[in-house]
Amino acid sequence: MMAPWRGSLLITAPRSAQARAAVGVTERHQPAREGFFAGAAFDPPATRAALTKLTAPVLLYAGALDPMVTPAIVREAAPLFNGATVVVQPGAAHFP
């Protein structure tokens, strides 16, 4: 189960995405990794419905070279929001 604070991008992400996100995490970061992937009561259909009701502007921002949250994933998530704006920064990855 994925942490609910990660937002809509991981609502439909497979477990393989979780495994990819954990690659390279050292043992000293184990508590953070366990907390990130801790189980939670999470209802994807209800979350999707709630996202369409947002009235605030939504900006979905991705780095063109991000291997974790790719621009394609961000573009796929955009319709979950009412009028979301997608910005892809050329040459940027997940971390500056």
Protein backbone atom coordinates (compact mmCIF):
# COMPACT_ATOMS: atom_id res chain seq x y z
CA MET A 1 0.00 0.00 0.00
CA MET A 2 1.30 3.47 -0.83
CA ALA A 3 1.43 6.51 1.40
CA PRO A 4 -1.63 8.72 0.74
CA TRP A 5 0.36 11.95 0.88
CA ARG A 6 2.15 11.04 -2.35
CA GLY A 7 -0.92 12.25 -4.19
CA SER A 8 -2.56 11.00 -7.32
CA LEU A 9 0.57 10.02 -9.20
CA LEU A 10 0.94 6.78 -7.32
CA ILE A 11 -2.71 5.86 -7.08
CA THR A 12 -2.31 3.42 -9.94
CA ALA A 13 1.45 2.85 -9.73
CA PRO A 14 2.39 -0.81 -9.61
CA ARG A 15 4.55 -2.32 -6.90
CA SER A 16 7.40 -2.20 -9.42
CA ALA A 17 7.33 1.60 -9.09
CA GLN A 18 7.74 1.25 -5.34
CA ALA A 19 10.69 -1.09 -5.87
CA ARG A 20 12.28 1.32 -8.36
CA ALA A 21 11.89 4.19 -5.87
CA ALA A 22 13.71 2.14 -3.23
CA VAL A 23 16.76 1.34 -5.38
CA GLY A 24 19.94 2.73 -3.87
CA VAL A 25 18.48 3.41 -0.44
CA THR A 26 21.11 2.55 2.12
CA GLU A 27 20.45 0.71 5.36
CA ARG A 28 20.69 3.93 7.36
CA HIS A 29 17.59 5.13 5.50
CA GLN A 30 15.61 1.98 6.26
CA PRO A 31 13.23 3.67 8.78
CA ALA A 32 12.37 6.38 6.23
CA ARG A 33 11.78 3.77 3.54
CA GLU A 34 9.53 1.73 5.82
CA GLY A 35 7.54 4.84 6.74
CA PHE A 36 7.19 5.86 3.11
CA PHE A 37 5.73 2.50 2.12
CA ALA A 38 3.72 1.99 5.32
CA GLY A 39 0.26 0.59 4.84
CA ALA A 40 -2.63 3.01 4.98
CA ALA A 41 -6.35 2.94 4.42
CA PHE A 42 -6.51 4.41 0.95
CA ASP A 43 -9.46 4.51 -1.43
CA PRO A 44 -8.25 5.35 -4.98
CA PRO A 45 -11.75 5.85 -6.49
CA ALA A 46 -12.72 8.25 -3.69
CA THR A 47 -9.41 10.09 -4.07
CA ARG A 48 -9.90 10.49 -7.82
CA ALA A 49 -13.42 11.84 -7.25
CA ALA A 50 -12.16 14.32 -4.64
CA LEU A 51 -9.37 15.57 -6.94
CA THR A 52 -11.89 16.58 -9.61
CA LYS A 53 -13.60 18.83 -7.03
CA LEU A 54 -10.51 20.94 -6.32
CA THR A 55 -11.12 24.58 -7.15
CA ALA A 56 -7.57 25.84 -6.62
CA PRO A 57 -5.19 26.00 -9.57
CA VAL A 58 -3.10 22.83 -9.88
CA LEU A 59 0.45 22.78 -11.26
CA LEU A 60 1.99 19.41 -12.05
CA TYR A 61 5.74 19.84 -12.47
CA ALA A 62 8.20 17.25 -13.76
CA GLY A 63 11.83 17.11 -14.79
CA ALA A 64 12.34 15.88 -18.34
CA LEU A 65 14.97 13.40 -17.12
CA ASP A 66 13.13 12.19 -14.00
CA PRO A 67 13.21 8.37 -13.96
CA MET A 68 10.75 8.08 -11.04
CA VAL A 69 7.90 10.48 -11.84
CA THR A 70 8.32 10.80 -15.58
CA PRO A 71 6.72 13.55 -17.65
CA ALA A 72 4.46 10.86 -19.17
CA ILE A 73 3.17 9.92 -15.70
CA VAL A 74 2.57 13.59 -14.87
CA ARG A 75 0.69 14.12 -18.14
CA GLU A 76 -1.37 11.00 -17.41
CA ALA A 77 -2.28 12.41 -13.98
CA ALA A 78 -3.36 15.83 -15.30
CA PRO A 79 -6.94 14.79 -16.21
CA LEU A 80 -7.50 13.80 -12.58
CA PHE A 81 -7.61 17.52 -11.79
CA ASN A 82 -9.89 20.23 -13.11
CA GLY A 83 -7.77 22.27 -15.52
CA ALA A 84 -4.32 21.23 -14.28
CA THR A 85 -1.27 22.83 -15.87
CA VAL A 86 1.65 20.53 -16.71
CA VAL A 87 5.17 21.96 -16.84
CA VAL A 88 8.20 19.86 -17.83
CA GLN A 89 11.59 21.37 -17.08
CA PRO A 90 14.14 20.43 -19.75
CA GLY A 91 17.37 18.88 -18.49
CA ALA A 92 16.05 18.37 -14.93
CA ALA A 93 15.77 15.06 -13.10
CA HIS A 94 14.05 14.12 -9.82
CA PHE A 95 16.60 16.00 -7.72
CA PRO A 96 18.27 19.22 -8.82
